[in-house]
Amino acid sequence: MNIQLIIIILLFLGALFYIGRLIYNSLKAKNGCASGCGKCGVDFSKIKPDKN
């Protein structure tokens, strides 16, 4: 095996790990929703509705 093939294999495995971690984090439930944006944890109880 030459050094170029070893480098390509290591880069490919690193990319697979990175993509797998992104998919895992997007599917893991956080605060009731899977998006992880944090909008589900906002307290809207002190906001008064606009009466138009």
PDB file of N, CA and C in Angstrom:
ATOM      1  N   MET A   1       0.855  -1.195   0.000  1.00  0.00           N
ATOM      2  CA  MET A   1       0.000   0.000   0.000  1.00  0.00           C
ATOM      3  C   MET A   1       0.888   1.240   0.000  1.00  0.00           C
ATOM      4  N   ASN A   2       0.554   2.144  -0.868  1.00  0.00           N
ATOM      5  CA  ASN A   2       1.333   3.381  -0.872  1.00  0.00           C
ATOM      6  C   ASN A   2       0.694   4.425   0.049  1.00  0.00           C
ATOM      7  N   ILE A   3       1.415   5.474   0.327  1.00  0.00           N
ATOM      8  CA  ILE A   3       0.998   6.495   1.287  1.00  0.00           C
ATOM      9  C   ILE A   3      -0.246   7.258   0.823  1.00  0.00           C
ATOM     10  N   GLN A   4      -0.403   7.419  -0.494  1.00  0.00           N
ATOM     11  CA  GLN A   4      -1.567   8.146  -1.005  1.00  0.00           C
ATOM     12  C   GLN A   4      -2.860   7.397  -0.710  1.00  0.00           C
ATOM     13  N   LEU A   5      -2.848   6.092  -0.859  1.00  0.00           N
ATOM     14  CA  LEU A   5      -4.037   5.296  -0.577  1.00  0.00           C
ATOM     15  C   LEU A   5      -4.384   5.342   0.913  1.00  0.00           C
ATOM     16  N   ILE A   6      -3.390   5.309   1.757  1.00  0.00           N
ATOM     17  CA  ILE A   6      -3.629   5.392   3.200  1.00  0.00           C
ATOM     18  C   ILE A   6      -4.246   6.742   3.567  1.00  0.00           C
ATOM     19  N   ILE A   7      -3.748   7.811   2.973  1.00  0.00           N
ATOM     20  CA  ILE A   7      -4.292   9.152   3.245  1.00  0.00           C
ATOM     21  C   ILE A   7      -5.736   9.251   2.775  1.00  0.00           C
ATOM     22  N   ILE A   8      -6.049   8.712   1.595  1.00  0.00           N
ATOM     23  CA  ILE A   8      -7.420   8.749   1.064  1.00  0.00           C
ATOM     24  C   ILE A   8      -8.356   7.949   1.964  1.00  0.00           C
ATOM     25  N   ILE A   9      -7.920   6.790   2.426  1.00  0.00           N
ATOM     26  CA  ILE A   9      -8.758   5.980   3.312  1.00  0.00           C
ATOM     27  C   ILE A   9      -9.011   6.705   4.628  1.00  0.00           C
ATOM     28  N   LEU A  10      -8.002   7.328   5.189  1.00  0.00           N
ATOM     29  CA  LEU A  10      -8.173   8.083   6.442  1.00  0.00           C
ATOM     30  C   LEU A  10      -9.121   9.267   6.264  1.00  0.00           C
ATOM     31  N   LEU A  11      -9.005   9.980   5.151  1.00  0.00           N
ATOM     32  CA  LEU A  11      -9.915  11.095   4.875  1.00  0.00           C
ATOM     33  C   LEU A  11     -11.351  10.608   4.700  1.00  0.00           C
ATOM     34  N   PHE A  12     -11.520   9.492   4.014  1.00  0.00           N
ATOM     35  CA  PHE A  12     -12.850   8.934   3.801  1.00  0.00           C
ATOM     36  C   PHE A  12     -13.476   8.508   5.124  1.00  0.00           C
ATOM     37  N   LEU A  13     -12.701   7.842   5.982  1.00  0.00           N
ATOM     38  CA  LEU A  13     -13.214   7.432   7.284  1.00  0.00           C
ATOM     39  C   LEU A  13     -13.550   8.640   8.159  1.00  0.00           C
ATOM     40  N   GLY A  14     -12.737   9.682   8.085  1.00  0.00           N
ATOM     41  CA  GLY A  14     -13.031  10.904   8.824  1.00  0.00           C
ATOM     42  C   GLY A  14     -14.318  11.566   8.347  1.00  0.00           C
ATOM     43  N   ALA A  15     -14.539  11.570   7.044  1.00  0.00           N
ATOM     44  CA  ALA A  15     -15.769  12.145   6.494  1.00  0.00           C
ATOM     45  C   ALA A  15     -16.984  11.322   6.910  1.00  0.00           C
ATOM     46  N   LEU A  16     -16.861   9.994   6.891  1.00  0.00           N
ATOM     47  CA  LEU A  16     -17.964   9.146   7.339  1.00  0.00           C
ATOM     48  C   LEU A  16     -18.300   9.394   8.811  1.00  0.00           C
ATOM     49  N   PHE A  17     -17.286   9.527   9.635  1.00  0.00           N
ATOM     50  CA  PHE A  17     -17.512   9.819  11.052  1.00  0.00           C
ATOM     51  C   PHE A  17     -18.206  11.157  11.236  1.00  0.00           C
ATOM     52  N   TYR A  18     -17.779  12.177  10.496  1.00  0.00           N
ATOM     53  CA  TYR A  18     -18.367  13.516  10.598  1.00  0.00           C
ATOM     54  C   TYR A  18     -19.838  13.508  10.174  1.00  0.00           C
ATOM     55  N   ILE A  19     -20.143  12.887   9.051  1.00  0.00           N
ATOM     56  CA  ILE A  19     -21.529  12.825   8.565  1.00  0.00           C
ATOM     57  C   ILE A  19     -22.389  12.006   9.523  1.00  0.00           C
ATOM     58  N   GLY A  20     -21.849  10.912  10.026  1.00  0.00           N
ATOM     59  CA  GLY A  20     -22.596  10.100  10.982  1.00  0.00           C
ATOM     60  C   GLY A  20     -22.911  10.861  12.250  1.00  0.00           C
ATOM     61  N   ARG A  21     -21.960  11.654  12.725  1.00  0.00           N
ATOM     62  CA  ARG A  21     -22.197  12.465  13.925  1.00  0.00           C
ATOM     63  C   ARG A  21     -23.241  13.539  13.669  1.00  0.00           C
ATOM     64  N   LEU A  22     -23.231  14.153  12.490  1.00  0.00           N
ATOM     65  CA  LEU A  22     -24.255  15.148  12.159  1.00  0.00           C
ATOM     66  C   LEU A  22     -25.645  14.525  12.126  1.00  0.00           C
ATOM     67  N   ILE A  23     -25.759  13.356  11.528  1.00  0.00           N
ATOM     68  CA  ILE A  23     -27.060  12.684  11.458  1.00  0.00           C
ATOM     69  C   ILE A  23     -27.523  12.288  12.850  1.00  0.00           C
ATOM     70  N   TYR A  24     -26.626  11.756  13.663  1.00  0.00           N
ATOM     71  CA  TYR A  24     -26.986  11.356  15.020  1.00  0.00           C
ATOM     72  C   TYR A  24     -27.465  12.556  15.836  1.00  0.00           C
ATOM     73  N   ASN A  25     -26.762  13.680  15.755  1.00  0.00           N
ATOM     74  CA  ASN A  25     -27.153  14.865  16.522  1.00  0.00           C
ATOM     75  C   ASN A  25     -28.467  15.450  16.031  1.00  0.00           C
ATOM     76  N   SER A  26     -28.776  15.325  14.751  1.00  0.00           N
ATOM     77  CA  SER A  26     -30.044  15.866  14.260  1.00  0.00           C
ATOM     78  C   SER A  26     -31.222  14.985  14.661  1.00  0.00           C
ATOM     79  N   LEU A  27     -30.985  13.690  14.866  1.00  0.00           N
ATOM     80  CA  LEU A  27     -32.070  12.792  15.238  1.00  0.00           C
ATOM     81  C   LEU A  27     -32.262  12.688  16.742  1.00  0.00           C
ATOM     82  N   LYS A  28     -31.286  13.078  17.517  1.00  0.00           N
ATOM     83  CA  LYS A  28     -31.371  12.997  18.977  1.00  0.00           C
ATOM     84  C   LYS A  28     -32.338  14.075  19.479  1.00  0.00           C
ATOM     85  N   ALA A  29     -33.316  13.675  20.266  1.00  0.00           N
ATOM     86  CA  ALA A  29     -34.329  14.609  20.765  1.00  0.00           C
ATOM     87  C   ALA A  29     -33.727  15.544  21.800  1.00  0.00           C
ATOM     88  N   LYS A  30     -34.025  16.835  21.645  1.00  0.00           N
ATOM     89  CA  LYS A  30     -33.576  17.856  22.588  1.00  0.00           C
ATOM     90  C   LYS A  30     -34.762  18.750  22.925  1.00  0.00           C
ATOM     91  N   ASN A  31     -35.125  18.785  24.174  1.00  0.00           N
ATOM     92  CA  ASN A  31     -36.205  19.670  24.652  1.00  0.00           C
ATOM     93  C   ASN A  31     -37.508  19.461  23.892  1.00  0.00           C
ATOM     94  N   GLY A  32     -37.828  18.243  23.527  1.00  0.00           N
ATOM     95  CA  GLY A  32     -39.123  17.964  22.922  1.00  0.00           C
ATOM     96  C   GLY A  32     -39.164  18.015  21.415  1.00  0.00           C
ATOM     97  N   CYS A  33     -38.154  18.515  20.768  1.00  0.00           N
ATOM     98  CA  CYS A  33     -38.149  18.481  19.309  1.00  0.00           C
ATOM     99  C   CYS A  33     -36.751  18.114  18.820  1.00  0.00           C
ATOM    100  N   ALA A  34     -36.662  17.623  17.608  1.00  0.00           N
ATOM    101  CA  ALA A  34     -35.390  17.115  17.095  1.00  0.00           C
ATOM    102  C   ALA A  34     -34.575  18.162  16.341  1.00  0.00           C
ATOM    103  N   SER A  35     -35.112  19.369  16.194  1.00  0.00           N
ATOM    104  CA  SER A  35     -34.380  20.358  15.408  1.00  0.00           C
ATOM    105  C   SER A  35     -33.183  20.921  16.160  1.00  0.00           C
ATOM    106  N   GLY A  36     -33.269  21.015  17.480  1.00  0.00           N
ATOM    107  CA  GLY A  36     -32.160  21.517  18.275  1.00  0.00           C
ATOM    108  C   GLY A  36     -31.928  23.013  18.152  1.00  0.00           C
ATOM    109  N   CYS A  37     -32.909  23.749  17.643  1.00  0.00           N
ATOM    110  CA  CYS A  37     -32.729  25.186  17.450  1.00  0.00           C
ATOM    111  C   CYS A  37     -32.991  25.978  18.730  1.00  0.00           C
ATOM    112  N   GLY A  38     -33.674  25.390  19.689  1.00  0.00           N
ATOM    113  CA  GLY A  38     -33.935  26.063  20.950  1.00  0.00           C
ATOM    114  C   GLY A  38     -35.233  26.840  20.998  1.00  0.00           C
ATOM    115  N   LYS A  39     -35.986  26.893  19.925  1.00  0.00           N
ATOM    116  CA  LYS A  39     -37.217  27.672  19.932  1.00  0.00           C
ATOM    117  C   LYS A  39     -38.325  27.011  20.755  1.00  0.00           C
ATOM    118  N   CYS A  40     -38.192  25.719  21.019  1.00  0.00           N
ATOM    119  CA  CYS A  40     -39.202  25.030  21.823  1.00  0.00           C
ATOM    120  C   CYS A  40     -39.091  25.396  23.300  1.00  0.00           C
ATOM    121  N   GLY A  41     -37.937  25.848  23.741  1.00  0.00           N
ATOM    122  CA  GLY A  41     -37.736  26.169  25.137  1.00  0.00           C
ATOM    123  C   GLY A  41     -38.042  27.608  25.499  1.00  0.00           C
ATOM    124  N   VAL A  42     -38.564  28.397  24.579  1.00  0.00           N
ATOM    125  CA  VAL A  42     -38.853  29.810  24.824  1.00  0.00           C
ATOM    126  C   VAL A  42     -40.127  29.937  25.651  1.00  0.00           C
ATOM    127  N   ASP A  43     -40.099  30.826  26.633  1.00  0.00           N
ATOM    128  CA  ASP A  43     -41.254  31.065  27.494  1.00  0.00           C
ATOM    129  C   ASP A  43     -42.079  32.209  26.919  1.00  0.00           C
ATOM    130  N   PHE A  44     -43.258  31.879  26.367  1.00  0.00           N
ATOM    131  CA  PHE A  44     -44.125  32.879  25.769  1.00  0.00           C
ATOM    132  C   PHE A  44     -45.224  33.334  26.736  1.00  0.00           C
ATOM    133  N   SER A  45     -45.162  32.954  28.002  1.00  0.00           N
ATOM    134  CA  SER A  45     -46.241  33.263  28.932  1.00  0.00           C
ATOM    135  C   SER A  45     -46.339  34.755  29.258  1.00  0.00           C
ATOM    136  N   LYS A  46     -45.248  35.519  29.122  1.00  0.00           N
ATOM    137  CA  LYS A  46     -45.277  36.946  29.458  1.00  0.00           C
ATOM    138  C   LYS A  46     -45.567  37.840  28.254  1.00  0.00           C
ATOM    139  N   ILE A  47     -45.737  37.249  27.093  1.00  0.00           N
ATOM    140  CA  ILE A  47     -46.014  38.024  25.882  1.00  0.00           C
ATOM    141  C   ILE A  47     -47.534  38.149  25.734  1.00  0.00           C
ATOM    142  N   LYS A  48     -47.995  39.382  25.586  1.00  0.00           N
ATOM    143  CA  LYS A  48     -49.416  39.629  25.430  1.00  0.00           C
ATOM    144  C   LYS A  48     -49.774  39.625  23.949  1.00  0.00           C
ATOM    145  N   PRO A  49     -50.891  39.006  23.579  1.00  0.00           N
ATOM    146  CA  PRO A  49     -51.299  38.981  22.164  1.00  0.00           C
ATOM    147  C   PRO A  49     -51.705  40.375  21.683  1.00  0.00           C
ATOM    148  N   ASP A  50     -51.414  40.645  20.437  1.00  0.00           N
ATOM    149  CA  ASP A  50     -51.746  41.924  19.825  1.00  0.00           C
ATOM    150  C   ASP A  50     -53.234  41.943  19.469  1.00  0.00           C
ATOM    151  N   LYS A  51     -53.967  42.922  19.961  1.00  0.00           N
ATOM    152  CA  LYS A  51     -55.408  43.045  19.698  1.00  0.00           C
ATOM    153  C   LYS A  51     -55.644  44.035  18.553  1.00  0.00           C
ATOM    154  N   ASN A  52     -55.722  43.530  17.347  1.00  0.00           N
ATOM    155  CA  ASN A  52     -55.964  44.402  16.171  1.00  0.00           C
ATOM    156  C   ASN A  52     -57.411  44.469  15.846  1.00  0.00           C
TER     157      ASN A  52
END
